[in-house]
Structures are given as C-alpha cells and as structure tokens.
C-alpha cells in the first residue's frame, strides 16, 4: 500500500468531534437567528409585495379597458362610415327627385 493510499484511508476514517462541538453549532445557529431580518422588516416586505401585486392587477385591468375602448372606437368609426355612405346615396336620390320635380314644373309652365 502506498503512502497516498494510507493518507487517504486515514483522512476517510471516522473521527470523534472535538469536545463542545454540538454546543458551538447550536450557538452559531442561534446567533444567525438573532441576525435575521427583524419582524417589522418582514412585514414591510410583505406589504410592499401586496402593493405591487395590487398595482399589477390595476395595470392589467387598465390595459384591458383601453383595448376594449379602442375596439369600440373602431366599431363606431365603421358604423359612421356605413351611415354616411347610405345618407349620401339617399341624398343623391332626393336630389334627383327634386331635379325631376323642377323639370316637370318648368314643362307645365310652358
């Protein structure tokens, strides 16, 4: 067996932890708990998250409302164009009728 294998075997052999190891680990864990964010900061973060979520919902609703308003506007424009076209056609017919009436009156006078 080579020196490398002996060193490897020695490093992989189980060792007893030093005295007080468990107490040190527990003490460090408690120290980290104390350093954790204080409760008011957590509440502030939660409140900020709620505000952002509400703001996002309001933003999405506003975007949808604007999109619906734009669709309604386009539909109104099309309806007005159709109405205008029909009114122009009726006005043309009425003008033709009026012109024919005027011609008939002139013929009667002669």
PDB file of N, CA and C in Angstrom:
ATOM      1  N   UNK A   1       0.848  -1.166   0.000  1.00  0.00           N
ATOM      2  CA  UNK A   1       0.000   0.000   0.000  1.00  0.00           C
ATOM      3  C   UNK A   1       0.901   1.238   0.000  1.00  0.00           C
ATOM      4  N   UNK A   2       0.561   2.198  -0.857  1.00  0.00           N
ATOM      5  CA  UNK A   2       1.387   3.384  -0.986  1.00  0.00           C
ATOM      6  C   UNK A   2       1.054   4.402   0.101  1.00  0.00           C
ATOM      7  N   UNK A   3       1.918   5.365   0.206  1.00  0.00           N
ATOM      8  CA  UNK A   3       1.710   6.419   1.203  1.00  0.00           C
ATOM      9  C   UNK A   3       0.420   7.193   0.912  1.00  0.00           C
ATOM     10  N   UNK A   4       0.128   7.411  -0.370  1.00  0.00           N
ATOM     11  CA  UNK A   4      -1.105   8.109  -0.765  1.00  0.00           C
ATOM     12  C   UNK A   4      -2.327   7.363  -0.273  1.00  0.00           C
ATOM     13  N   UNK A   5      -2.339   6.041  -0.469  1.00  0.00           N
ATOM     14  CA  UNK A   5      -3.483   5.245  -0.043  1.00  0.00           C
ATOM     15  C   UNK A   5      -3.632   5.284   1.479  1.00  0.00           C
ATOM     16  N   UNK A   6      -2.509   5.241   2.199  1.00  0.00           N
ATOM     17  CA  UNK A   6      -2.569   5.309   3.668  1.00  0.00           C
ATOM     18  C   UNK A   6      -3.114   6.663   4.120  1.00  0.00           C
ATOM     19  N   UNK A   7      -2.655   7.738   3.494  1.00  0.00           N
ATOM     20  CA  UNK A   7      -3.150   9.084   3.850  1.00  0.00           C
ATOM     21  C   UNK A   7      -4.641   9.209   3.538  1.00  0.00           C
ATOM     22  N   UNK A   8      -5.039   8.654   2.426  1.00  0.00           N
ATOM     23  CA  UNK A   8      -6.452   8.699   2.043  1.00  0.00           C
ATOM     24  C   UNK A   8      -7.304   7.918   3.032  1.00  0.00           C
ATOM     25  N   UNK A   9      -6.857   6.732   3.382  1.00  0.00           N
ATOM     26  CA  UNK A   9      -7.578   5.894   4.333  1.00  0.00           C
ATOM     27  C   UNK A   9      -7.663   6.596   5.703  1.00  0.00           C
ATOM     28  N   UNK A  10      -6.581   7.240   6.101  1.00  0.00           N
ATOM     29  CA  UNK A  10      -6.565   7.945   7.391  1.00  0.00           C
ATOM     30  C   UNK A  10      -7.526   9.137   7.373  1.00  0.00           C
ATOM     31  N   UNK A  11      -7.563   9.857   6.253  1.00  0.00           N
ATOM     32  CA  UNK A  11      -8.439  11.028   6.183  1.00  0.00           C
ATOM     33  C   UNK A  11      -9.913  10.629   6.109  1.00  0.00           C
ATOM     34  N   UNK A  12     -10.207   9.429   5.594  1.00  0.00           N
ATOM     35  CA  UNK A  12     -11.585   8.981   5.479  1.00  0.00           C
ATOM     36  C   UNK A  12     -12.065   8.226   6.721  1.00  0.00           C
ATOM     37  N   UNK A  13     -11.172   7.921   7.649  1.00  0.00           N
ATOM     38  CA  UNK A  13     -11.537   7.211   8.873  1.00  0.00           C
ATOM     39  C   UNK A  13     -12.355   8.138   9.758  1.00  0.00           C
ATOM     40  N   UNK A  14     -13.324   7.560  10.463  1.00  0.00           N
ATOM     41  CA  UNK A  14     -14.171   8.351  11.356  1.00  0.00           C
ATOM     42  C   UNK A  14     -13.342   8.894  12.514  1.00  0.00           C
ATOM     43  N   UNK A  15     -13.659  10.148  12.847  1.00  0.00           N
ATOM     44  CA  UNK A  15     -13.015  10.798  13.988  1.00  0.00           C
ATOM     45  C   UNK A  15     -14.098  11.293  14.921  1.00  0.00           C
ATOM     46  N   UNK A  16     -13.796  11.335  16.174  1.00  0.00           N
ATOM     47  CA  UNK A  16     -14.720  11.895  17.158  1.00  0.00           C
ATOM     48  C   UNK A  16     -14.650  13.418  17.050  1.00  0.00           C
ATOM     49  N   UNK A  17     -15.811  14.093  17.095  1.00  0.00           N
ATOM     50  CA  UNK A  17     -15.777  15.557  17.051  1.00  0.00           C
ATOM     51  C   UNK A  17     -15.154  16.097  18.330  1.00  0.00           C
ATOM     52  N   UNK A  18     -14.581  17.288  18.258  1.00  0.00           N
ATOM     53  CA  UNK A  18     -13.961  17.860  19.458  1.00  0.00           C
ATOM     54  C   UNK A  18     -15.015  18.112  20.538  1.00  0.00           C
ATOM     55  N   UNK A  19     -14.587  18.222  21.723  1.00  0.00           N
ATOM     56  CA  UNK A  19     -15.496  18.464  22.851  1.00  0.00           C
ATOM     57  C   UNK A  19     -16.191  19.805  22.666  1.00  0.00           C
ATOM     58  N   UNK A  20     -17.513  19.834  22.904  1.00  0.00           N
ATOM     59  CA  UNK A  20     -18.277  21.070  22.804  1.00  0.00           C
ATOM     60  C   UNK A  20     -18.683  21.421  21.372  1.00  0.00           C
ATOM     61  N   UNK A  21     -18.470  20.502  20.437  1.00  0.00           N
ATOM     62  CA  UNK A  21     -18.793  20.778  19.043  1.00  0.00           C
ATOM     63  C   UNK A  21     -20.289  21.051  18.863  1.00  0.00           C
ATOM     64  N   UNK A  22     -21.143  20.228  19.440  1.00  0.00           N
ATOM     65  CA  UNK A  22     -22.589  20.401  19.307  1.00  0.00           C
ATOM     66  C   UNK A  22     -23.025  21.736  19.881  1.00  0.00           C
ATOM     67  N   UNK A  23     -22.475  22.122  21.029  1.00  0.00           N
ATOM     68  CA  UNK A  23     -22.838  23.405  21.649  1.00  0.00           C
ATOM     69  C   UNK A  23     -22.427  24.580  20.760  1.00  0.00           C
ATOM     70  N   UNK A  24     -21.265  24.448  20.125  1.00  0.00           N
ATOM     71  CA  UNK A  24     -20.809  25.523  19.229  1.00  0.00           C
ATOM     72  C   UNK A  24     -21.743  25.665  18.026  1.00  0.00           C
ATOM     73  N   UNK A  25     -22.176  24.542  17.474  1.00  0.00           N
ATOM     74  CA  UNK A  25     -23.079  24.585  16.320  1.00  0.00           C
ATOM     75  C   UNK A  25     -24.401  25.233  16.723  1.00  0.00           C
ATOM     76  N   UNK A  26     -24.940  24.835  17.866  1.00  0.00           N
ATOM     77  CA  UNK A  26     -26.204  25.406  18.348  1.00  0.00           C
ATOM     78  C   UNK A  26     -26.048  26.895  18.611  1.00  0.00           C
ATOM     79  N   UNK A  27     -24.929  27.301  19.202  1.00  0.00           N
ATOM     80  CA  UNK A  27     -24.695  28.722  19.493  1.00  0.00           C
ATOM     81  C   UNK A  27     -24.631  29.536  18.207  1.00  0.00           C
ATOM     82  N   UNK A  28     -23.965  29.007  17.197  1.00  0.00           N
ATOM     83  CA  UNK A  28     -23.886  29.716  15.915  1.00  0.00           C
ATOM     84  C   UNK A  28     -25.261  29.837  15.257  1.00  0.00           C
ATOM     85  N   UNK A  29     -26.060  28.765  15.336  1.00  0.00           N
ATOM     86  CA  UNK A  29     -27.406  28.803  14.749  1.00  0.00           C
ATOM     87  C   UNK A  29     -28.261  29.856  15.441  1.00  0.00           C
ATOM     88  N   UNK A  30     -28.159  29.927  16.761  1.00  0.00           N
ATOM     89  CA  UNK A  30     -28.922  30.953  17.497  1.00  0.00           C
ATOM     90  C   UNK A  30     -28.446  32.355  17.145  1.00  0.00           C
ATOM     91  N   UNK A  31     -27.157  32.520  16.959  1.00  0.00           N
ATOM     92  CA  UNK A  31     -26.629  33.836  16.590  1.00  0.00           C
ATOM     93  C   UNK A  31     -27.149  34.260  15.224  1.00  0.00           C
ATOM     94  N   UNK A  32     -27.265  33.306  14.309  1.00  0.00           N
ATOM     95  CA  UNK A  32     -27.794  33.633  12.979  1.00  0.00           C
ATOM     96  C   UNK A  32     -29.270  33.988  13.054  1.00  0.00           C
ATOM     97  N   UNK A  33     -30.008  33.306  13.915  1.00  0.00           N
ATOM     98  CA  UNK A  33     -31.427  33.637  14.088  1.00  0.00           C
ATOM     99  C   UNK A  33     -31.585  35.066  14.574  1.00  0.00           C
ATOM    100  N   UNK A  34     -30.715  35.491  15.462  1.00  0.00           N
ATOM    101  CA  UNK A  34     -30.793  36.854  16.000  1.00  0.00           C
ATOM    102  C   UNK A  34     -30.453  37.882  14.925  1.00  0.00           C
ATOM    103  N   UNK A  35     -29.567  37.507  14.016  1.00  0.00           N
ATOM    104  CA  UNK A  35     -29.182  38.438  12.954  1.00  0.00           C
ATOM    105  C   UNK A  35     -30.184  38.462  11.821  1.00  0.00           C
ATOM    106  N   UNK A  36     -31.127  37.542  11.807  1.00  0.00           N
ATOM    107  CA  UNK A  36     -32.138  37.501  10.742  1.00  0.00           C
ATOM    108  C   UNK A  36     -32.927  38.802  10.748  1.00  0.00           C
ATOM    109  N   UNK A  37     -33.594  39.067   9.633  1.00  0.00           N
ATOM    110  CA  UNK A  37     -34.349  40.319   9.494  1.00  0.00           C
ATOM    111  C   UNK A  37     -35.376  40.433  10.609  1.00  0.00           C
ATOM    112  N   UNK A  38     -35.439  41.588  11.239  1.00  0.00           N
ATOM    113  CA  UNK A  38     -36.428  41.770  12.306  1.00  0.00           C
ATOM    114  C   UNK A  38     -37.845  41.688  11.743  1.00  0.00           C
ATOM    115  N   UNK A  39     -38.793  41.399  12.590  1.00  0.00           N
ATOM    116  CA  UNK A  39     -40.171  41.184  12.175  1.00  0.00           C
ATOM    117  C   UNK A  39     -40.755  42.388  11.434  1.00  0.00           C
ATOM    118  N   UNK A  40     -40.550  43.638  11.887  1.00  0.00           N
ATOM    119  CA  UNK A  40     -41.131  44.765  11.132  1.00  0.00           C
ATOM    120  C   UNK A  40     -40.635  44.833   9.692  1.00  0.00           C
ATOM    121  N   UNK A  41     -39.387  44.478   9.478  1.00  0.00           N
ATOM    122  CA  UNK A  41     -38.848  44.497   8.118  1.00  0.00           C
ATOM    123  C   UNK A  41     -39.542  43.428   7.262  1.00  0.00           C
ATOM    124  N   UNK A  42     -39.836  42.293   7.856  1.00  0.00           N
ATOM    125  CA  UNK A  42     -40.549  41.248   7.128  1.00  0.00           C
ATOM    126  C   UNK A  42     -41.957  41.726   6.773  1.00  0.00           C
ATOM    127  N   UNK A  43     -42.620  42.383   7.721  1.00  0.00           N
ATOM    128  CA  UNK A  43     -43.967  42.905   7.446  1.00  0.00           C
ATOM    129  C   UNK A  43     -43.922  43.956   6.346  1.00  0.00           C
ATOM    130  N   UNK A  44     -42.893  44.784   6.376  1.00  0.00           N
ATOM    131  CA  UNK A  44     -42.745  45.813   5.355  1.00  0.00           C
ATOM    132  C   UNK A  44     -42.553  45.176   3.980  1.00  0.00           C
ATOM    133  N   UNK A  45     -41.747  44.134   3.932  1.00  0.00           N
ATOM    134  CA  UNK A  45     -41.529  43.445   2.657  1.00  0.00           C
ATOM    135  C   UNK A  45     -42.828  42.800   2.166  1.00  0.00           C
ATOM    136  N   UNK A  46     -43.577  42.203   3.087  1.00  0.00           N
ATOM    137  CA  UNK A  46     -44.850  41.583   2.701  1.00  0.00           C
ATOM    138  C   UNK A  46     -45.834  42.640   2.200  1.00  0.00           C
ATOM    139  N   UNK A  47     -45.877  43.784   2.891  1.00  0.00           N
ATOM    140  CA  UNK A  47     -46.776  44.862   2.470  1.00  0.00           C
ATOM    141  C   UNK A  47     -46.386  45.391   1.092  1.00  0.00           C
ATOM    142  N   UNK A  48     -45.088  45.525   0.852  1.00  0.00           N
ATOM    143  CA  UNK A  48     -44.621  46.001  -0.454  1.00  0.00           C
ATOM    144  C   UNK A  48     -45.016  45.009  -1.549  1.00  0.00           C
ATOM    145  N   UNK A  49     -44.917  43.733  -1.244  1.00  0.00           N
ATOM    146  CA  UNK A  49     -45.308  42.709  -2.214  1.00  0.00           C
ATOM    147  C   UNK A  49     -46.796  42.797  -2.526  1.00  0.00           C
ATOM    148  N   UNK A  50     -47.613  42.998  -1.500  1.00  0.00           N
ATOM    149  CA  UNK A  50     -49.061  43.117  -1.707  1.00  0.00           C
ATOM    150  C   UNK A  50     -49.368  44.344  -2.561  1.00  0.00           C
ATOM    151  N   UNK A  51     -48.709  45.460  -2.261  1.00  0.00           N
ATOM    152  CA  UNK A  51     -48.932  46.692  -3.030  1.00  0.00           C
ATOM    153  C   UNK A  51     -48.545  46.477  -4.497  1.00  0.00           C
ATOM    154  N   UNK A  52     -47.431  45.807  -4.726  1.00  0.00           N
ATOM    155  CA  UNK A  52     -47.006  45.545  -6.109  1.00  0.00           C
ATOM    156  C   UNK A  52     -48.000  44.640  -6.829  1.00  0.00           C
ATOM    157  N   UNK A  53     -48.513  43.650  -6.129  1.00  0.00           N
ATOM    158  CA  UNK A  53     -49.485  42.753  -6.762  1.00  0.00           C
ATOM    159  C   UNK A  53     -50.765  43.517  -7.110  1.00  0.00           C
ATOM    160  N   UNK A  54     -51.247  44.341  -6.204  1.00  0.00           N
ATOM    161  CA  UNK A  54     -52.457  45.129  -6.475  1.00  0.00           C
ATOM    162  C   UNK A  54     -52.199  46.088  -7.633  1.00  0.00           C
ATOM    163  N   UNK A  55     -51.040  46.720  -7.626  1.00  0.00           N
ATOM    164  CA  UNK A  55     -50.690  47.617  -8.724  1.00  0.00           C
ATOM    165  C   UNK A  55     -50.657  46.886 -10.058  1.00  0.00           C
ATOM    166  N   UNK A  56     -50.140  45.669 -10.054  1.00  0.00           N
ATOM    167  CA  UNK A  56     -50.112  44.879 -11.284  1.00  0.00           C
ATOM    168  C   UNK A  56     -51.505  44.554 -11.784  1.00  0.00           C
ATOM    169  N   UNK A  57     -52.395  44.201 -10.859  1.00  0.00           N
ATOM    170  CA  UNK A  57     -53.779  43.887 -11.244  1.00  0.00           C
ATOM    171  C   UNK A  57     -54.454  45.126 -11.824  1.00  0.00           C
ATOM    172  N   UNK A  58     -54.252  46.271 -11.167  1.00  0.00           N
ATOM    173  CA  UNK A  58     -54.854  47.525 -11.654  1.00  0.00           C
ATOM    174  C   UNK A  58     -54.305  47.863 -13.044  1.00  0.00           C
ATOM    175  N   UNK A  59     -53.020  47.679 -13.232  1.00  0.00           N
ATOM    176  CA  UNK A  59     -52.399  47.980 -14.521  1.00  0.00           C
ATOM    177  C   UNK A  59     -52.984  47.094 -15.628  1.00  0.00           C
ATOM    178  N   UNK A  60     -53.111  45.804 -15.354  1.00  0.00           N
ATOM    179  CA  UNK A  60     -53.652  44.885 -16.359  1.00  0.00           C
ATOM    180  C   UNK A  60     -55.093  45.246 -16.692  1.00  0.00           C
ATOM    181  N   UNK A  61     -55.881  45.554 -15.667  1.00  0.00           N
ATOM    182  CA  UNK A  61     -57.274  45.947 -15.918  1.00  0.00           C
ATOM    183  C   UNK A  61     -57.353  47.211 -16.763  1.00  0.00           C
ATOM    184  N   UNK A  62     -56.497  48.174 -16.486  1.00  0.00           N
ATOM    185  CA  UNK A  62     -56.498  49.422 -17.262  1.00  0.00           C
ATOM    186  C   UNK A  62     -56.115  49.147 -18.714  1.00  0.00           C
ATOM    187  N   UNK A  63     -55.134  48.272 -18.916  1.00  0.00           N
ATOM    188  CA  UNK A  63     -54.735  47.915 -20.276  1.00  0.00           C
ATOM    189  C   UNK A  63     -55.896  47.259 -21.030  1.00  0.00           C
ATOM    190  N   UNK A  64     -56.603  46.371 -20.356  1.00  0.00           N
ATOM    191  CA  UNK A  64     -57.754  45.723 -20.992  1.00  0.00           C
ATOM    192  C   UNK A  64     -58.852  46.724 -21.290  1.00  0.00           C
ATOM    193  N   UNK A  65     -59.103  47.654 -20.367  1.00  0.00           N
ATOM    194  CA  UNK A  65     -60.135  48.669 -20.578  1.00  0.00           C
ATOM    195  C   UNK A  65     -59.789  49.534 -21.784  1.00  0.00           C
ATOM    196  N   UNK A  66     -58.527  49.920 -21.897  1.00  0.00           N
ATOM    197  CA  UNK A  66     -58.108  50.735 -23.031  1.00  0.00           C
ATOM    198  C   UNK A  66     -58.234  49.964 -24.347  1.00  0.00           C
ATOM    199  N   UNK A  67     -57.903  48.684 -24.326  1.00  0.00           N
ATOM    200  CA  UNK A  67     -58.028  47.871 -25.541  1.00  0.00           C
ATOM    201  C   UNK A  67     -59.495  47.759 -25.947  1.00  0.00           C
ATOM    202  N   UNK A  68     -60.381  47.573 -24.978  1.00  0.00           N
ATOM    203  CA  UNK A  68     -61.808  47.489 -25.292  1.00  0.00           C
ATOM    204  C   UNK A  68     -62.325  48.821 -25.821  1.00  0.00           C
ATOM    205  N   UNK A  69     -61.873  49.923 -25.247  1.00  0.00           N
ATOM    206  CA  UNK A  69     -62.287  51.243 -25.719  1.00  0.00           C
ATOM    207  C   UNK A  69     -61.818  51.462 -27.160  1.00  0.00           C
ATOM    208  N   UNK A  70     -60.631  51.001 -27.473  1.00  0.00           N
ATOM    209  CA  UNK A  70     -60.110  51.147 -28.847  1.00  0.00           C
ATOM    210  C   UNK A  70     -60.943  50.317 -29.826  1.00  0.00           C
ATOM    211  N   UNK A  71     -61.319  49.083 -29.421  1.00  0.00           N
ATOM    212  CA  UNK A  71     -62.174  48.257 -30.289  1.00  0.00           C
ATOM    213  C   UNK A  71     -63.525  48.936 -30.509  1.00  0.00           C
ATOM    214  N   UNK A  72     -64.107  49.484 -29.438  1.00  0.00           N
ATOM    215  CA  UNK A  72     -65.393  50.177 -29.560  1.00  0.00           C
ATOM    216  C   UNK A  72     -65.275  51.386 -30.478  1.00  0.00           C
ATOM    217  N   UNK A  73     -64.172  52.096 -30.383  1.00  0.00           N
ATOM    218  CA  UNK A  73     -63.947  53.263 -31.243  1.00  0.00           C
ATOM    219  C   UNK A  73     -63.897  52.847 -32.707  1.00  0.00           C
ATOM    220  N   UNK A  74     -63.185  51.769 -33.004  1.00  0.00           N
ATOM    221  CA  UNK A  74     -63.093  51.285 -34.376  1.00  0.00           C
ATOM    222  C   UNK A  74     -64.465  50.853 -34.900  1.00  0.00           C
ATOM    223  N   UNK A  75     -65.250  50.192 -34.065  1.00  0.00           N
ATOM    224  CA  UNK A  75     -66.590  49.778 -34.478  1.00  0.00           C
ATOM    225  C   UNK A  75     -67.474  50.994 -34.752  1.00  0.00           C
ATOM    226  N   UNK A  76     -67.346  52.027 -33.932  1.00  0.00           N
ATOM    227  CA  UNK A  76     -68.126  53.243 -34.136  1.00  0.00           C
ATOM    228  C   UNK A  76     -67.731  53.921 -35.443  1.00  0.00           C
ATOM    229  N   UNK A  77     -66.451  53.962 -35.735  1.00  0.00           N
ATOM    230  CA  UNK A  77     -65.985  54.580 -36.982  1.00  0.00           C
ATOM    231  C   UNK A  77     -66.572  53.837 -38.182  1.00  0.00           C
ATOM    232  N   UNK A  78     -66.552  52.507 -38.145  1.00  0.00           N
ATOM    233  CA  UNK A  78     -67.112  51.721 -39.244  1.00  0.00           C
ATOM    234  C   UNK A  78     -68.606  51.995 -39.372  1.00  0.00           C
ATOM    235  N   UNK A  79     -69.317  52.034 -38.235  1.00  0.00           N
ATOM    236  CA  UNK A  79     -70.764  52.289 -38.277  1.00  0.00           C
ATOM    237  C   UNK A  79     -71.043  53.672 -38.855  1.00  0.00           C
ATOM    238  N   UNK A  80     -70.260  54.681 -38.488  1.00  0.00           N
ATOM    239  CA  UNK A  80     -70.456  56.029 -39.027  1.00  0.00           C
ATOM    240  C   UNK A  80     -70.145  56.088 -40.519  1.00  0.00           C
ATOM    241  N   UNK A  81     -69.154  55.344 -40.967  1.00  0.00           N
ATOM    242  CA  UNK A  81     -68.839  55.312 -42.390  1.00  0.00           C
ATOM    243  C   UNK A  81     -69.987  54.676 -43.186  1.00  0.00           C
ATOM    244  N   UNK A  82     -70.552  53.616 -42.655  1.00  0.00           N
ATOM    245  CA  UNK A  82     -71.685  52.970 -43.333  1.00  0.00           C
ATOM    246  C   UNK A  82     -72.875  53.926 -43.381  1.00  0.00           C
ATOM    247  N   UNK A  83     -73.153  54.584 -42.255  1.00  0.00           N
ATOM    248  CA  UNK A  83     -74.265  55.532 -42.194  1.00  0.00           C
ATOM    249  C   UNK A  83     -74.049  56.681 -43.167  1.00  0.00           C
ATOM    250  N   UNK A  84     -72.840  57.206 -43.217  1.00  0.00           N
ATOM    251  CA  UNK A  84     -72.528  58.298 -44.126  1.00  0.00           C
ATOM    252  C   UNK A  84     -72.733  57.879 -45.582  1.00  0.00           C
ATOM    253  N   UNK A  85     -72.289  56.687 -45.907  1.00  0.00           N
ATOM    254  CA  UNK A  85     -72.444  56.187 -47.275  1.00  0.00           C
ATOM    255  C   UNK A  85     -73.925  56.080 -47.649  1.00  0.00           C
ATOM    256  N   UNK A  86     -74.732  55.539 -46.753  1.00  0.00           N
ATOM    257  CA  UNK A  86     -76.166  55.381 -47.026  1.00  0.00           C
ATOM    258  C   UNK A  86     -76.850  56.748 -47.134  1.00  0.00           C
ATOM    259  N   UNK A  87     -76.483  57.678 -46.237  1.00  0.00           N
ATOM    260  CA  UNK A  87     -77.084  59.009 -46.306  1.00  0.00           C
ATOM    261  C   UNK A  87     -76.717  59.723 -47.599  1.00  0.00           C
ATOM    262  N   UNK A  88     -75.486  59.561 -48.059  1.00  0.00           N
ATOM    263  CA  UNK A  88     -75.070  60.173 -49.323  1.00  0.00           C
ATOM    264  C   UNK A  88     -75.871  59.609 -50.484  1.00  0.00           C
ATOM    265  N   UNK A  89     -76.119  58.300 -50.451  1.00  0.00           N
ATOM    266  CA  UNK A  89     -76.915  57.687 -51.507  1.00  0.00           C
ATOM    267  C   UNK A  89     -78.359  58.209 -51.481  1.00  0.00           C
ATOM    268  N   UNK A  90     -78.937  58.320 -50.283  1.00  0.00           N
ATOM    269  CA  UNK A  90     -80.307  58.837 -50.164  1.00  0.00           C
ATOM    270  C   UNK A  90     -80.364  60.297 -50.597  1.00  0.00           C
ATOM    271  N   UNK A  91     -79.337  61.078 -50.213  1.00  0.00           N
ATOM    272  CA  UNK A  91     -79.309  62.478 -50.613  1.00  0.00           C
ATOM    273  C   UNK A  91     -79.220  62.594 -52.132  1.00  0.00           C
ATOM    274  N   UNK A  92     -78.453  61.736 -52.753  1.00  0.00           N
ATOM    275  CA  UNK A  92     -78.372  61.729 -54.222  1.00  0.00           C
ATOM    276  C   UNK A  92     -79.713  61.412 -54.853  1.00  0.00           C
ATOM    277  N   UNK A  93     -80.430  60.442 -54.298  1.00  0.00           N
ATOM    278  CA  UNK A  93     -81.759  60.099 -54.828  1.00  0.00           C
ATOM    279  C   UNK A  93     -82.734  61.261 -54.644  1.00  0.00           C
ATOM    280  N   UNK A  94     -82.691  61.878 -53.439  1.00  0.00           N
ATOM    281  CA  UNK A  94     -83.589  63.021 -53.205  1.00  0.00           C
ATOM    282  C   UNK A  94     -83.268  64.181 -54.143  1.00  0.00           C
ATOM    283  N   UNK A  95     -81.994  64.416 -54.394  1.00  0.00           N
ATOM    284  CA  UNK A  95     -81.610  65.479 -55.334  1.00  0.00           C
ATOM    285  C   UNK A  95     -82.122  65.177 -56.728  1.00  0.00           C
ATOM    286  N   UNK A  96     -82.029  63.904 -57.117  1.00  0.00           N
ATOM    287  CA  UNK A  96     -82.530  63.521 -58.439  1.00  0.00           C
ATOM    288  C   UNK A  96     -84.039  63.711 -58.515  1.00  0.00           C
ATOM    289  N   UNK A  97     -84.747  63.359 -57.468  1.00  0.00           N
ATOM    290  CA  UNK A  97     -86.212  63.534 -57.436  1.00  0.00           C
ATOM    291  C   UNK A  97     -86.556  65.018 -57.489  1.00  0.00           C
ATOM    292  N   UNK A  98     -85.831  65.830 -56.694  1.00  0.00           N
ATOM    293  CA  UNK A  98     -86.092  67.269 -56.686  1.00  0.00           C
ATOM    294  C   UNK A  98     -85.828  67.866 -58.059  1.00  0.00           C
ATOM    295  N   UNK A  99     -84.772  67.426 -58.682  1.00  0.00           N
ATOM    296  CA  UNK A  99     -84.452  67.926 -60.028  1.00  0.00           C
ATOM    297  C   UNK A  99     -85.549  67.533 -61.013  1.00  0.00           C
ATOM    298  N   UNK A 100     -86.046  66.316 -60.900  1.00  0.00           N
ATOM    299  CA  UNK A 100     -87.128  65.862 -61.793  1.00  0.00           C
ATOM    300  C   UNK A 100     -88.396  66.678 -61.548  1.00  0.00           C
ATOM    301  N   UNK A 101     -88.714  66.993 -60.291  1.00  0.00           N
ATOM    302  CA  UNK A 101     -89.882  67.821 -59.965  1.00  0.00           C
ATOM    303  C   UNK A 101     -89.725  69.207 -60.575  1.00  0.00           C
ATOM    304  N   UNK A 102     -88.533  69.778 -60.443  1.00  0.00           N
ATOM    305  CA  UNK A 102     -88.286  71.111 -61.009  1.00  0.00           C
ATOM    306  C   UNK A 102     -88.449  71.090 -62.530  1.00  0.00           C
ATOM    307  N   UNK A 103     -87.989  70.023 -63.168  1.00  0.00           N
ATOM    308  CA  UNK A 103     -88.129  69.910 -64.621  1.00  0.00           C
ATOM    309  C   UNK A 103     -89.602  69.806 -65.014  1.00  0.00           C
ATOM    310  N   UNK A 104     -90.365  69.044 -64.252  1.00  0.00           N
ATOM    311  CA  UNK A 104     -91.795  68.896 -64.554  1.00  0.00           C
ATOM    312  C   UNK A 104     -92.527  70.227 -64.379  1.00  0.00           C
ATOM    313  N   UNK A 105     -92.179  71.001 -63.392  1.00  0.00           N
ATOM    314  CA  UNK A 105     -92.814  72.304 -63.187  1.00  0.00           C
ATOM    315  C   UNK A 105     -92.495  73.258 -64.355  1.00  0.00           C
ATOM    316  N   UNK A 106     -91.276  73.182 -64.795  1.00  0.00           N
ATOM    317  CA  UNK A 106     -90.914  74.033 -65.934  1.00  0.00           C
ATOM    318  C   UNK A 106     -91.692  73.652 -67.178  1.00  0.00           C
ATOM    319  N   UNK A 107     -91.886  72.360 -67.366  1.00  0.00           N
ATOM    320  CA  UNK A 107     -92.632  71.885 -68.531  1.00  0.00           C
ATOM    321  C   UNK A 107     -94.109  72.344 -68.445  1.00  0.00           C
ATOM    322  N   UNK A 108     -94.677  72.356 -67.239  1.00  0.00           N
ATOM    323  CA  UNK A 108     -96.051  72.764 -67.052  1.00  0.00           C
ATOM    324  C   UNK A 108     -96.228  74.234 -67.371  1.00  0.00           C
ATOM    325  N   UNK A 109     -95.257  75.027 -67.077  1.00  0.00           N
ATOM    326  CA  UNK A 109     -95.361  76.481 -67.322  1.00  0.00           C
ATOM    327  C   UNK A 109     -95.270  76.795 -68.816  1.00  0.00           C
ATOM    328  N   UNK A 110     -94.703  75.985 -69.522  1.00  0.00           N
ATOM    329  CA  UNK A 110     -94.510  76.284 -70.935  1.00  0.00           C
ATOM    330  C   UNK A 110     -95.672  75.870 -71.743  1.00  0.00           C
TER     331      UNK A 110
END
